[in-house]
Amino acid sequence: MYSLFAVSALLFIEFHFASVAGFGPRLLPSRIAATGKSTPLVILRDYVDDSGPSDYDTEDLLPEQKEVTVDENEEDALIRDALKRELLLLASVTNRGEYASGDERDIAIDLVAQLEALNPTAQPASNCQGEWDLCLSSTQFFRSSPFFQAIRVVLNDRAMADNAFDLHDRATSMSRVGRVRQTVKSGELESEVDLEVGMMPGIPIRIKGTVVTSAKLAVVSDQKWELQVQNTKVKGSNIPIFNQILEDNLQIELPVGDFYSTVQGSVPVVPMTTLYVDESMRITRDIDDNFFVFTRC
């Protein structure tokens, strides 16, 4: 009961604190072609019309338990580069996956799985320091934030969480997500989501701002983080009076971690798994195996 109360209260706060938009499917034509090499498959695309079905079951690419692998074969560097180029191309033509068709989502899943199998970095969870931009997501963009990942853990039910996030997505449909960034430091992760929020239908005025969420970060294995959300705030509004109120006067910051401690007795622990990282790209998965592909800023 307390968990549902906490989730309802946090979603209410987030709705009024800063609206967020995310993932909405729209069919785009696609076609798959392969190199036919014995090395891991590199998929090439020309994006012409093809209504044929996918040639594999995406669930086959998502085992319940994943273990980090380290690819020490120097010749595979060329394969990784080709896979990354293909993934970035797919991200650019689908707006980070937001408008991906079913076939394009399958291709993204395949490319991500191949990259994870060719991970070149030992202990990837310990080698993610720096600033990262979200370039592709298999779910709503806002779910990359520790704020929403904590809500998912509290609900402890994937179907219930998906329904709650879909409702949140629809309720904030007048907003638009811009740049999504993460800064990983020793013991800390900071998430920033740039937003444009419409005042009301028919009025061409949009309020811009950045929702910033900070979380404690503990590396607990070669591939896994445990996050605990601390606080959320808004900064950088494009409306001068709002910006002055937010940054100079009120300095509004929601102590989300304290809220959880008060209502539940503890701050939820969010597991995140990184199975691929190199000098320019990171792939991190959440508790439901949704993936978030980041490129280094």
C-alpha atoms as a PDB file:
ATOM      1  CA  MET A   1       0.000   0.000   0.000  1.00  0.00           C
ATOM      2  CA  TYR A   2       2.791   2.401   0.925  1.00  0.00           C
ATOM      3  CA  SER A   3       4.600   1.556  -2.321  1.00  0.00           C
ATOM      4  CA  LEU A   4       1.560   2.400  -4.442  1.00  0.00           C
ATOM      5  CA  PHE A   5       1.082   5.616  -2.476  1.00  0.00           C
ATOM      6  CA  ALA A   6       4.716   6.547  -3.029  1.00  0.00           C
ATOM      7  CA  VAL A   7       4.520   5.861  -6.758  1.00  0.00           C
ATOM      8  CA  SER A   8       1.267   7.793  -7.161  1.00  0.00           C
ATOM      9  CA  ALA A   9       2.679  10.747  -5.263  1.00  0.00           C
ATOM     10  CA  LEU A  10       5.941  10.759  -7.225  1.00  0.00           C
ATOM     11  CA  LEU A  11       4.198  10.529 -10.584  1.00  0.00           C
ATOM     12  CA  PHE A  12       1.912  13.375  -9.537  1.00  0.00           C
ATOM     13  CA  ILE A  13       4.916  15.456  -8.491  1.00  0.00           C
ATOM     14  CA  GLU A  14       6.791  14.688 -11.704  1.00  0.00           C
ATOM     15  CA  PHE A  15       3.736  15.532 -13.828  1.00  0.00           C
ATOM     16  CA  HIS A  16       3.479  18.986 -12.289  1.00  0.00           C
ATOM     17  CA  PHE A  17       7.205  19.453 -11.759  1.00  0.00           C
ATOM     18  CA  ALA A  18       8.250  18.792 -15.363  1.00  0.00           C
ATOM     19  CA  SER A  19       6.337  17.112 -18.195  1.00  0.00           C
ATOM     20  CA  VAL A  20       8.146  14.428 -20.176  1.00  0.00           C
ATOM     21  CA  ALA A  21       7.451  12.860 -23.569  1.00  0.00           C
ATOM     22  CA  GLY A  22       8.815   9.635 -25.031  1.00  0.00           C
ATOM     23  CA  PHE A  23       8.339   6.654 -27.307  1.00  0.00           C
ATOM     24  CA  GLY A  24       5.545   6.550 -29.858  1.00  0.00           C
ATOM     25  CA  PRO A  25       5.618   4.092 -32.754  1.00  0.00           C
ATOM     26  CA  ARG A  26       5.111   5.163 -36.343  1.00  0.00           C
ATOM     27  CA  LEU A  27       5.647   2.737 -39.199  1.00  0.00           C
ATOM     28  CA  LEU A  28       8.641   3.362 -41.411  1.00  0.00           C
ATOM     29  CA  PRO A  29       9.601   1.159 -44.363  1.00  0.00           C
ATOM     30  CA  SER A  30      12.686  -0.996 -44.071  1.00  0.00           C
ATOM     31  CA  ARG A  31      14.569  -3.904 -45.599  1.00  0.00           C
ATOM     32  CA  ILE A  32      17.281  -6.130 -44.189  1.00  0.00           C
ATOM     33  CA  ALA A  33      20.380  -7.266 -46.074  1.00  0.00           C
ATOM     34  CA  ALA A  34      23.335  -9.211 -44.708  1.00  0.00           C
ATOM     35  CA  THR A  35      26.998  -9.558 -45.523  1.00  0.00           C
ATOM     36  CA  GLY A  36      26.968 -13.344 -45.264  1.00  0.00           C
ATOM     37  CA  LYS A  37      30.331 -13.463 -43.459  1.00  0.00           C
ATOM     38  CA  SER A  38      31.177 -16.127 -40.924  1.00  0.00           C
ATOM     39  CA  THR A  39      32.075 -13.401 -38.444  1.00  0.00           C
ATOM     40  CA  PRO A  40      29.205 -11.851 -36.415  1.00  0.00           C
ATOM     41  CA  LEU A  41      26.524 -10.539 -38.751  1.00  0.00           C
ATOM     42  CA  VAL A  42      26.746  -6.936 -39.906  1.00  0.00           C
ATOM     43  CA  ILE A  43      23.356  -5.703 -41.133  1.00  0.00           C
ATOM     44  CA  LEU A  44      23.273  -3.182 -43.971  1.00  0.00           C
ATOM     45  CA  ARG A  45      20.125  -1.210 -44.807  1.00  0.00           C
ATOM     46  CA  ASP A  46      18.853   0.852 -47.709  1.00  0.00           C
ATOM     47  CA  TYR A  47      15.467   1.810 -46.153  1.00  0.00           C
ATOM     48  CA  VAL A  48      13.314   0.942 -49.156  1.00  0.00           C
ATOM     49  CA  ASP A  49       9.785  -0.420 -48.858  1.00  0.00           C
ATOM     50  CA  ASP A  50       9.381  -4.040 -47.792  1.00  0.00           C
ATOM     51  CA  SER A  51       6.370  -5.356 -45.919  1.00  0.00           C
ATOM     52  CA  GLY A  52       7.876  -8.784 -45.271  1.00  0.00           C
ATOM     53  CA  PRO A  53       8.043 -10.128 -41.725  1.00  0.00           C
ATOM     54  CA  SER A  54      11.137 -10.210 -39.543  1.00  0.00           C
ATOM     55  CA  ASP A  55      13.202 -13.350 -40.063  1.00  0.00           C
ATOM     56  CA  TYR A  56      13.837 -14.067 -36.381  1.00  0.00           C
ATOM     57  CA  ASP A  57      12.075 -13.932 -33.047  1.00  0.00           C
ATOM     58  CA  THR A  58      13.346 -10.959 -31.037  1.00  0.00           C
ATOM     59  CA  GLU A  59      12.835 -12.874 -27.784  1.00  0.00           C
ATOM     60  CA  ASP A  60      15.616 -15.217 -28.894  1.00  0.00           C
ATOM     61  CA  LEU A  61      18.046 -12.302 -28.599  1.00  0.00           C
ATOM     62  CA  LEU A  62      17.052 -11.432 -25.037  1.00  0.00           C
ATOM     63  CA  PRO A  63      18.117 -14.186 -22.633  1.00  0.00           C
ATOM     64  CA  GLU A  64      17.015 -13.692 -19.053  1.00  0.00           C
ATOM     65  CA  GLN A  65      20.578 -13.742 -17.716  1.00  0.00           C
ATOM     66  CA  LYS A  66      23.424 -11.971 -19.504  1.00  0.00           C
ATOM     67  CA  GLU A  67      27.092 -12.134 -18.634  1.00  0.00           C
ATOM     68  CA  VAL A  68      29.731  -9.697 -19.733  1.00  0.00           C
ATOM     69  CA  THR A  69      32.175 -10.916 -22.363  1.00  0.00           C
ATOM     70  CA  VAL A  70      35.510  -9.387 -23.346  1.00  0.00           C
ATOM     71  CA  ASP A  71      36.525  -9.614 -26.991  1.00  0.00           C
ATOM     72  CA  GLU A  72      40.324  -9.494 -27.259  1.00  0.00           C
ATOM     73  CA  ASN A  73      40.502 -10.165 -30.985  1.00  0.00           C
ATOM     74  CA  GLU A  74      41.960  -7.023 -32.548  1.00  0.00           C
ATOM     75  CA  GLU A  75      40.496  -7.917 -35.956  1.00  0.00           C
ATOM     76  CA  ASP A  76      36.988  -7.539 -34.515  1.00  0.00           C
ATOM     77  CA  ALA A  77      37.522  -3.796 -34.121  1.00  0.00           C
ATOM     78  CA  LEU A  78      36.451  -3.310 -37.742  1.00  0.00           C
ATOM     79  CA  ILE A  79      33.290  -5.305 -37.126  1.00  0.00           C
ATOM     80  CA  ARG A  80      32.481  -3.211 -34.045  1.00  0.00           C
ATOM     81  CA  ASP A  81      32.963  -0.003 -36.002  1.00  0.00           C
ATOM     82  CA  ALA A  82      30.609  -1.220 -38.741  1.00  0.00           C
ATOM     83  CA  LEU A  83      27.985  -2.260 -36.196  1.00  0.00           C
ATOM     84  CA  LYS A  84      28.207   1.100 -34.424  1.00  0.00           C
ATOM     85  CA  ARG A  85      27.850   3.015 -37.694  1.00  0.00           C
ATOM     86  CA  GLU A  86      24.780   0.968 -38.553  1.00  0.00           C
ATOM     87  CA  LEU A  87      23.282   1.528 -35.105  1.00  0.00           C
ATOM     88  CA  LEU A  88      23.898   5.292 -35.268  1.00  0.00           C
ATOM     89  CA  LEU A  89      22.360   5.457 -38.734  1.00  0.00           C
ATOM     90  CA  LEU A  90      19.273   3.658 -37.459  1.00  0.00           C
ATOM     91  CA  ALA A  91      19.105   6.019 -34.475  1.00  0.00           C
ATOM     92  CA  SER A  92      19.265   9.076 -36.752  1.00  0.00           C
ATOM     93  CA  VAL A  93      16.469   8.001 -39.130  1.00  0.00           C
ATOM     94  CA  THR A  94      14.116   6.927 -36.301  1.00  0.00           C
ATOM     95  CA  ASN A  95      14.739   9.850 -33.890  1.00  0.00           C
ATOM     96  CA  ARG A  96      16.573   7.707 -31.316  1.00  0.00           C
ATOM     97  CA  GLY A  97      14.105   4.855 -31.871  1.00  0.00           C
ATOM     98  CA  GLU A  98      10.997   6.944 -31.239  1.00  0.00           C
ATOM     99  CA  TYR A  99       9.531   6.323 -34.707  1.00  0.00           C
ATOM    100  CA  ALA A 100      11.025   2.888 -35.388  1.00  0.00           C
ATOM    101  CA  SER A 101       8.911   0.293 -37.168  1.00  0.00           C
ATOM    102  CA  GLY A 102       8.715  -3.280 -35.928  1.00  0.00           C
ATOM    103  CA  ASP A 103      11.450  -4.421 -38.310  1.00  0.00           C
ATOM    104  CA  GLU A 104      13.683  -1.515 -37.348  1.00  0.00           C
ATOM    105  CA  ARG A 105      13.267  -2.346 -33.669  1.00  0.00           C
ATOM    106  CA  ASP A 106      14.260  -5.935 -34.414  1.00  0.00           C
ATOM    107  CA  ILE A 107      17.353  -4.703 -36.244  1.00  0.00           C
ATOM    108  CA  ALA A 108      18.297  -2.449 -33.330  1.00  0.00           C
ATOM    109  CA  ILE A 109      17.935  -5.376 -30.911  1.00  0.00           C
ATOM    110  CA  ASP A 110      20.166  -7.498 -33.130  1.00  0.00           C
ATOM    111  CA  LEU A 111      22.840  -4.822 -33.516  1.00  0.00           C
ATOM    112  CA  VAL A 112      22.917  -4.203 -29.765  1.00  0.00           C
ATOM    113  CA  ALA A 113      23.196  -7.931 -29.028  1.00  0.00           C
ATOM    114  CA  GLN A 114      26.089  -8.265 -31.484  1.00  0.00           C
ATOM    115  CA  LEU A 115      27.942  -5.326 -29.952  1.00  0.00           C
ATOM    116  CA  GLU A 116      27.481  -6.732 -26.457  1.00  0.00           C
ATOM    117  CA  ALA A 117      28.987 -10.023 -27.664  1.00  0.00           C
ATOM    118  CA  LEU A 118      31.990  -8.062 -28.983  1.00  0.00           C
ATOM    119  CA  ASN A 119      32.509  -5.882 -25.899  1.00  0.00           C
ATOM    120  CA  PRO A 120      36.197  -4.860 -25.866  1.00  0.00           C
ATOM    121  CA  THR A 121      36.373  -3.598 -22.269  1.00  0.00           C
ATOM    122  CA  ALA A 122      36.994  -5.628 -19.133  1.00  0.00           C
ATOM    123  CA  GLN A 123      34.780  -4.644 -16.179  1.00  0.00           C
ATOM    124  CA  PRO A 124      32.563  -2.319 -18.248  1.00  0.00           C
ATOM    125  CA  ALA A 125      30.558  -1.119 -15.250  1.00  0.00           C
ATOM    126  CA  SER A 126      33.742   0.358 -13.779  1.00  0.00           C
ATOM    127  CA  ASN A 127      34.774   2.106 -17.006  1.00  0.00           C
ATOM    128  CA  CYS A 128      31.837   4.400 -17.773  1.00  0.00           C
ATOM    129  CA  GLN A 129      33.088   7.668 -16.284  1.00  0.00           C
ATOM    130  CA  GLY A 130      32.360  10.750 -18.347  1.00  0.00           C
ATOM    131  CA  GLU A 131      29.513  12.559 -20.079  1.00  0.00           C
ATOM    132  CA  TRP A 132      27.137  10.640 -22.331  1.00  0.00           C
ATOM    133  CA  ASP A 133      24.299  11.512 -24.744  1.00  0.00           C
ATOM    134  CA  LEU A 134      21.361   9.147 -25.307  1.00  0.00           C
ATOM    135  CA  CYS A 135      21.288   8.250 -29.017  1.00  0.00           C
ATOM    136  CA  LEU A 136      18.933   5.239 -29.064  1.00  0.00           C
ATOM    137  CA  SER A 137      16.415   3.666 -26.686  1.00  0.00           C
ATOM    138  CA  SER A 138      14.139   0.637 -26.858  1.00  0.00           C
ATOM    139  CA  THR A 139      11.605   2.338 -24.561  1.00  0.00           C
ATOM    140  CA  GLN A 140      10.495   5.826 -23.489  1.00  0.00           C
ATOM    141  CA  PHE A 141      13.444   8.204 -23.226  1.00  0.00           C
ATOM    142  CA  PHE A 142      12.485   9.358 -19.732  1.00  0.00           C
ATOM    143  CA  ARG A 143      12.957   5.834 -18.378  1.00  0.00           C
ATOM    144  CA  SER A 144      16.724   6.272 -18.629  1.00  0.00           C
ATOM    145  CA  SER A 145      16.423   8.566 -15.587  1.00  0.00           C
ATOM    146  CA  PRO A 146      17.029   7.090 -12.109  1.00  0.00           C
ATOM    147  CA  PHE A 147      13.807   8.833 -11.016  1.00  0.00           C
ATOM    148  CA  PHE A 148      11.655   6.546 -13.167  1.00  0.00           C
ATOM    149  CA  GLN A 149      13.854   3.499 -12.686  1.00  0.00           C
ATOM    150  CA  ALA A 150      13.258   3.830  -8.935  1.00  0.00           C
ATOM    151  CA  ILE A 151       9.494   3.874  -9.537  1.00  0.00           C
ATOM    152  CA  ARG A 152       9.835   0.686 -11.598  1.00  0.00           C
ATOM    153  CA  VAL A 153      11.639  -1.060  -8.737  1.00  0.00           C
ATOM    154  CA  VAL A 154       9.043   0.077  -6.189  1.00  0.00           C
ATOM    155  CA  LEU A 155       6.172  -1.274  -8.293  1.00  0.00           C
ATOM    156  CA  ASN A 156       7.941  -4.645  -8.593  1.00  0.00           C
ATOM    157  CA  ASP A 157       5.676  -5.587 -11.503  1.00  0.00           C
ATOM    158  CA  ARG A 158       6.634  -5.001 -15.139  1.00  0.00           C
ATOM    159  CA  ALA A 159       3.082  -4.883 -16.520  1.00  0.00           C
ATOM    160  CA  MET A 160       1.972  -2.423 -13.839  1.00  0.00           C
ATOM    161  CA  ALA A 161       5.027  -0.239 -14.413  1.00  0.00           C
ATOM    162  CA  ASP A 162       4.534  -0.248 -18.200  1.00  0.00           C
ATOM    163  CA  ASN A 163       0.913   0.817 -17.739  1.00  0.00           C
ATOM    164  CA  ALA A 164       1.886   3.585 -15.308  1.00  0.00           C
ATOM    165  CA  PHE A 165       4.598   4.929 -17.628  1.00  0.00           C
ATOM    166  CA  ASP A 166       2.291   4.747 -20.669  1.00  0.00           C
ATOM    167  CA  LEU A 167      -0.323   6.766 -18.770  1.00  0.00           C
ATOM    168  CA  HIS A 168       2.350   9.278 -17.782  1.00  0.00           C
ATOM    169  CA  ASP A 169       3.491   9.448 -21.404  1.00  0.00           C
ATOM    170  CA  ARG A 170      -0.026  10.202 -22.651  1.00  0.00           C
ATOM    171  CA  ALA A 171      -0.718  12.714 -19.896  1.00  0.00           C
ATOM    172  CA  THR A 172       2.385  14.682 -20.927  1.00  0.00           C
ATOM    173  CA  SER A 173       1.876  14.399 -24.695  1.00  0.00           C
ATOM    174  CA  MET A 174       2.113  18.190 -25.096  1.00  0.00           C
ATOM    175  CA  SER A 175       5.787  18.083 -24.144  1.00  0.00           C
ATOM    176  CA  ARG A 176       8.848  17.225 -26.228  1.00  0.00           C
ATOM    177  CA  VAL A 177      12.092  15.574 -25.151  1.00  0.00           C
ATOM    178  CA  GLY A 178      15.305  17.153 -26.376  1.00  0.00           C
ATOM    179  CA  ARG A 179      18.799  16.145 -25.405  1.00  0.00           C
ATOM    180  CA  VAL A 180      19.138  13.390 -22.782  1.00  0.00           C
ATOM    181  CA  ARG A 181      22.494  13.259 -20.985  1.00  0.00           C
ATOM    182  CA  GLN A 182      24.139  11.281 -18.207  1.00  0.00           C
ATOM    183  CA  THR A 183      27.289  12.181 -16.311  1.00  0.00           C
ATOM    184  CA  VAL A 184      28.961   9.259 -14.550  1.00  0.00           C
ATOM    185  CA  LYS A 185      31.382  10.054 -11.755  1.00  0.00           C
ATOM    186  CA  SER A 186      32.877   8.059  -8.917  1.00  0.00           C
ATOM    187  CA  GLY A 187      29.911   7.083  -6.762  1.00  0.00           C
ATOM    188  CA  GLU A 188      27.396   9.315  -8.579  1.00  0.00           C
ATOM    189  CA  LEU A 189      25.238   9.487 -11.697  1.00  0.00           C
ATOM    190  CA  GLU A 190      23.558  12.689 -12.857  1.00  0.00           C
ATOM    191  CA  SER A 191      20.765  12.537 -15.440  1.00  0.00           C
ATOM    192  CA  GLU A 192      19.680  15.593 -17.456  1.00  0.00           C
ATOM    193  CA  VAL A 193      16.628  15.668 -19.716  1.00  0.00           C
ATOM    194  CA  ASP A 194      15.931  18.775 -21.828  1.00  0.00           C
ATOM    195  CA  LEU A 195      12.202  19.437 -22.233  1.00  0.00           C
ATOM    196  CA  GLU A 196       9.837  21.708 -24.114  1.00  0.00           C
ATOM    197  CA  VAL A 197       6.402  21.886 -22.511  1.00  0.00           C
ATOM    198  CA  GLY A 198       3.391  23.427 -24.261  1.00  0.00           C
ATOM    199  CA  MET A 199       1.398  25.922 -22.202  1.00  0.00           C
ATOM    200  CA  MET A 200      -1.952  24.821 -23.651  1.00  0.00           C
ATOM    201  CA  PRO A 201      -3.414  23.782 -27.030  1.00  0.00           C
ATOM    202  CA  GLY A 202      -3.593  26.574 -29.583  1.00  0.00           C
ATOM    203  CA  ILE A 203      -1.095  28.842 -27.841  1.00  0.00           C
ATOM    204  CA  PRO A 204       2.336  28.846 -29.561  1.00  0.00           C
ATOM    205  CA  ILE A 205       4.326  29.267 -26.355  1.00  0.00           C
ATOM    206  CA  ARG A 206       6.560  26.492 -25.062  1.00  0.00           C
ATOM    207  CA  ILE A 207       8.492  26.501 -21.798  1.00  0.00           C
ATOM    208  CA  LYS A 208      11.951  24.966 -22.005  1.00  0.00           C
ATOM    209  CA  GLY A 209      13.948  23.589 -19.127  1.00  0.00           C
ATOM    210  CA  THR A 210      16.180  20.755 -17.987  1.00  0.00           C
ATOM    211  CA  VAL A 211      15.138  18.150 -15.420  1.00  0.00           C
ATOM    212  CA  VAL A 212      18.196  17.087 -13.424  1.00  0.00           C
ATOM    213  CA  THR A 213      18.143  13.924 -11.289  1.00  0.00           C
ATOM    214  CA  SER A 214      21.081  12.766  -9.200  1.00  0.00           C
ATOM    215  CA  ALA A 215      21.650   9.295  -7.788  1.00  0.00           C
ATOM    216  CA  LYS A 216      24.238   7.441  -5.763  1.00  0.00           C
ATOM    217  CA  LEU A 217      26.091   4.852  -7.850  1.00  0.00           C
ATOM    218  CA  ALA A 218      27.719   1.682  -6.551  1.00  0.00           C
ATOM    219  CA  VAL A 219      29.569  -0.740  -8.842  1.00  0.00           C
ATOM    220  CA  VAL A 220      28.666  -4.194  -7.513  1.00  0.00           C
ATOM    221  CA  SER A 221      30.069  -6.442 -10.278  1.00  0.00           C
ATOM    222  CA  ASP A 222      31.899  -6.323 -13.601  1.00  0.00           C
ATOM    223  CA  GLN A 223      28.669  -5.367 -15.333  1.00  0.00           C
ATOM    224  CA  LYS A 224      26.211  -4.087 -12.747  1.00  0.00           C
ATOM    225  CA  TRP A 225      25.479  -0.793 -11.027  1.00  0.00           C
ATOM    226  CA  GLU A 226      23.132  -0.200  -8.128  1.00  0.00           C
ATOM    227  CA  LEU A 227      21.596   3.279  -8.120  1.00  0.00           C
ATOM    228  CA  GLN A 228      19.723   5.102  -5.359  1.00  0.00           C
ATOM    229  CA  VAL A 229      17.953   8.273  -6.414  1.00  0.00           C
ATOM    230  CA  GLN A 230      18.693  11.368  -4.290  1.00  0.00           C
ATOM    231  CA  ASN A 231      16.991  14.465  -5.682  1.00  0.00           C
ATOM    232  CA  THR A 232      15.401  16.072  -8.741  1.00  0.00           C
ATOM    233  CA  LYS A 233      15.341  19.708  -9.822  1.00  0.00           C
ATOM    234  CA  VAL A 234      14.620  21.908 -12.844  1.00  0.00           C
ATOM    235  CA  LYS A 235      17.109  24.409 -14.280  1.00  0.00           C
ATOM    236  CA  GLY A 236      17.602  26.619 -17.324  1.00  0.00           C
ATOM    237  CA  SER A 237      14.101  27.783 -18.284  1.00  0.00           C
ATOM    238  CA  ASN A 238      13.807  29.843 -21.485  1.00  0.00           C
ATOM    239  CA  ILE A 239      11.276  32.171 -19.800  1.00  0.00           C
ATOM    240  CA  PRO A 240      13.435  34.758 -17.974  1.00  0.00           C
ATOM    241  CA  ILE A 241      11.091  35.210 -15.024  1.00  0.00           C
ATOM    242  CA  PHE A 242      10.748  31.435 -14.569  1.00  0.00           C
ATOM    243  CA  ASN A 243      14.506  30.994 -14.861  1.00  0.00           C
ATOM    244  CA  GLN A 244      15.111  33.650 -12.213  1.00  0.00           C
ATOM    245  CA  ILE A 245      12.526  32.130  -9.872  1.00  0.00           C
ATOM    246  CA  LEU A 246      13.881  28.604 -10.311  1.00  0.00           C
ATOM    247  CA  GLU A 247      17.603  29.310 -10.163  1.00  0.00           C
ATOM    248  CA  ASP A 248      17.988  32.545  -8.193  1.00  0.00           C
ATOM    249  CA  ASN A 249      15.132  32.575  -5.712  1.00  0.00           C
ATOM    250  CA  LEU A 250      13.461  29.257  -5.009  1.00  0.00           C
ATOM    251  CA  GLN A 251      16.210  26.806  -5.958  1.00  0.00           C
ATOM    252  CA  ILE A 252      13.547  24.091  -6.020  1.00  0.00           C
ATOM    253  CA  GLU A 253      14.987  20.641  -5.435  1.00  0.00           C
ATOM    254  CA  LEU A 254      12.847  17.627  -4.604  1.00  0.00           C
ATOM    255  CA  PRO A 255      14.535  15.327  -2.056  1.00  0.00           C
ATOM    256  CA  VAL A 256      13.180  12.166  -3.676  1.00  0.00           C
ATOM    257  CA  GLY A 257      15.453   9.896  -1.656  1.00  0.00           C
ATOM    258  CA  ASP A 258      14.202  11.384   1.625  1.00  0.00           C
ATOM    259  CA  PHE A 259      10.628  10.918   0.407  1.00  0.00           C
ATOM    260  CA  TYR A 260      11.214   7.200  -0.160  1.00  0.00           C
ATOM    261  CA  SER A 261      12.919   6.869   3.209  1.00  0.00           C
ATOM    262  CA  THR A 262       9.972   8.511   4.958  1.00  0.00           C
ATOM    263  CA  VAL A 263       7.229   6.589   3.149  1.00  0.00           C
ATOM    264  CA  GLN A 264       8.898   3.197   2.677  1.00  0.00           C
ATOM    265  CA  GLY A 265      11.699   3.157   5.191  1.00  0.00           C
ATOM    266  CA  SER A 266      14.430   2.894   2.555  1.00  0.00           C
ATOM    267  CA  VAL A 267      15.461   4.216  -0.859  1.00  0.00           C
ATOM    268  CA  PRO A 268      14.849   1.660  -3.660  1.00  0.00           C
ATOM    269  CA  VAL A 269      17.951   0.075  -5.167  1.00  0.00           C
ATOM    270  CA  VAL A 270      17.942   0.232  -8.974  1.00  0.00           C
ATOM    271  CA  PRO A 271      20.014  -2.385 -10.843  1.00  0.00           C
ATOM    272  CA  MET A 272      21.460  -1.310 -14.201  1.00  0.00           C
ATOM    273  CA  THR A 273      23.618  -3.542 -16.385  1.00  0.00           C
ATOM    274  CA  THR A 274      26.312  -2.407 -18.832  1.00  0.00           C
ATOM    275  CA  LEU A 275      27.506  -5.145 -21.173  1.00  0.00           C
ATOM    276  CA  TYR A 276      29.230  -2.891 -23.703  1.00  0.00           C
ATOM    277  CA  VAL A 277      31.436   0.171 -23.376  1.00  0.00           C
ATOM    278  CA  ASP A 278      34.322   1.541 -25.400  1.00  0.00           C
ATOM    279  CA  GLU A 279      35.876   4.960 -25.962  1.00  0.00           C
ATOM    280  CA  SER A 280      32.781   6.304 -27.756  1.00  0.00           C
ATOM    281  CA  MET A 281      29.694   4.187 -26.946  1.00  0.00           C
ATOM    282  CA  ARG A 282      27.962   2.647 -23.915  1.00  0.00           C
ATOM    283  CA  ILE A 283      25.003   0.242 -23.866  1.00  0.00           C
ATOM    284  CA  THR A 284      23.154  -0.049 -20.556  1.00  0.00           C
ATOM    285  CA  ARG A 285      20.074  -2.165 -19.790  1.00  0.00           C
ATOM    286  CA  ASP A 286      17.469  -1.762 -17.057  1.00  0.00           C
ATOM    287  CA  ILE A 287      15.714  -4.371 -14.919  1.00  0.00           C
ATOM    288  CA  ASP A 288      13.317  -5.166 -17.796  1.00  0.00           C
ATOM    289  CA  ASP A 289      16.111  -5.554 -20.354  1.00  0.00           C
ATOM    290  CA  ASN A 290      15.241  -2.284 -22.090  1.00  0.00           C
ATOM    291  CA  PHE A 291      18.437  -0.886 -23.569  1.00  0.00           C
ATOM    292  CA  PHE A 292      19.780   2.662 -23.673  1.00  0.00           C
ATOM    293  CA  VAL A 293      22.594   3.423 -26.125  1.00  0.00           C
ATOM    294  CA  PHE A 294      24.757   6.401 -25.207  1.00  0.00           C
ATOM    295  CA  THR A 295      27.541   8.102 -27.140  1.00  0.00           C
ATOM    296  CA  ARG A 296      30.311   9.980 -25.391  1.00  0.00           C
ATOM    297  CA  CYS A 297      29.913  13.760 -25.468  1.00  0.00           C
END
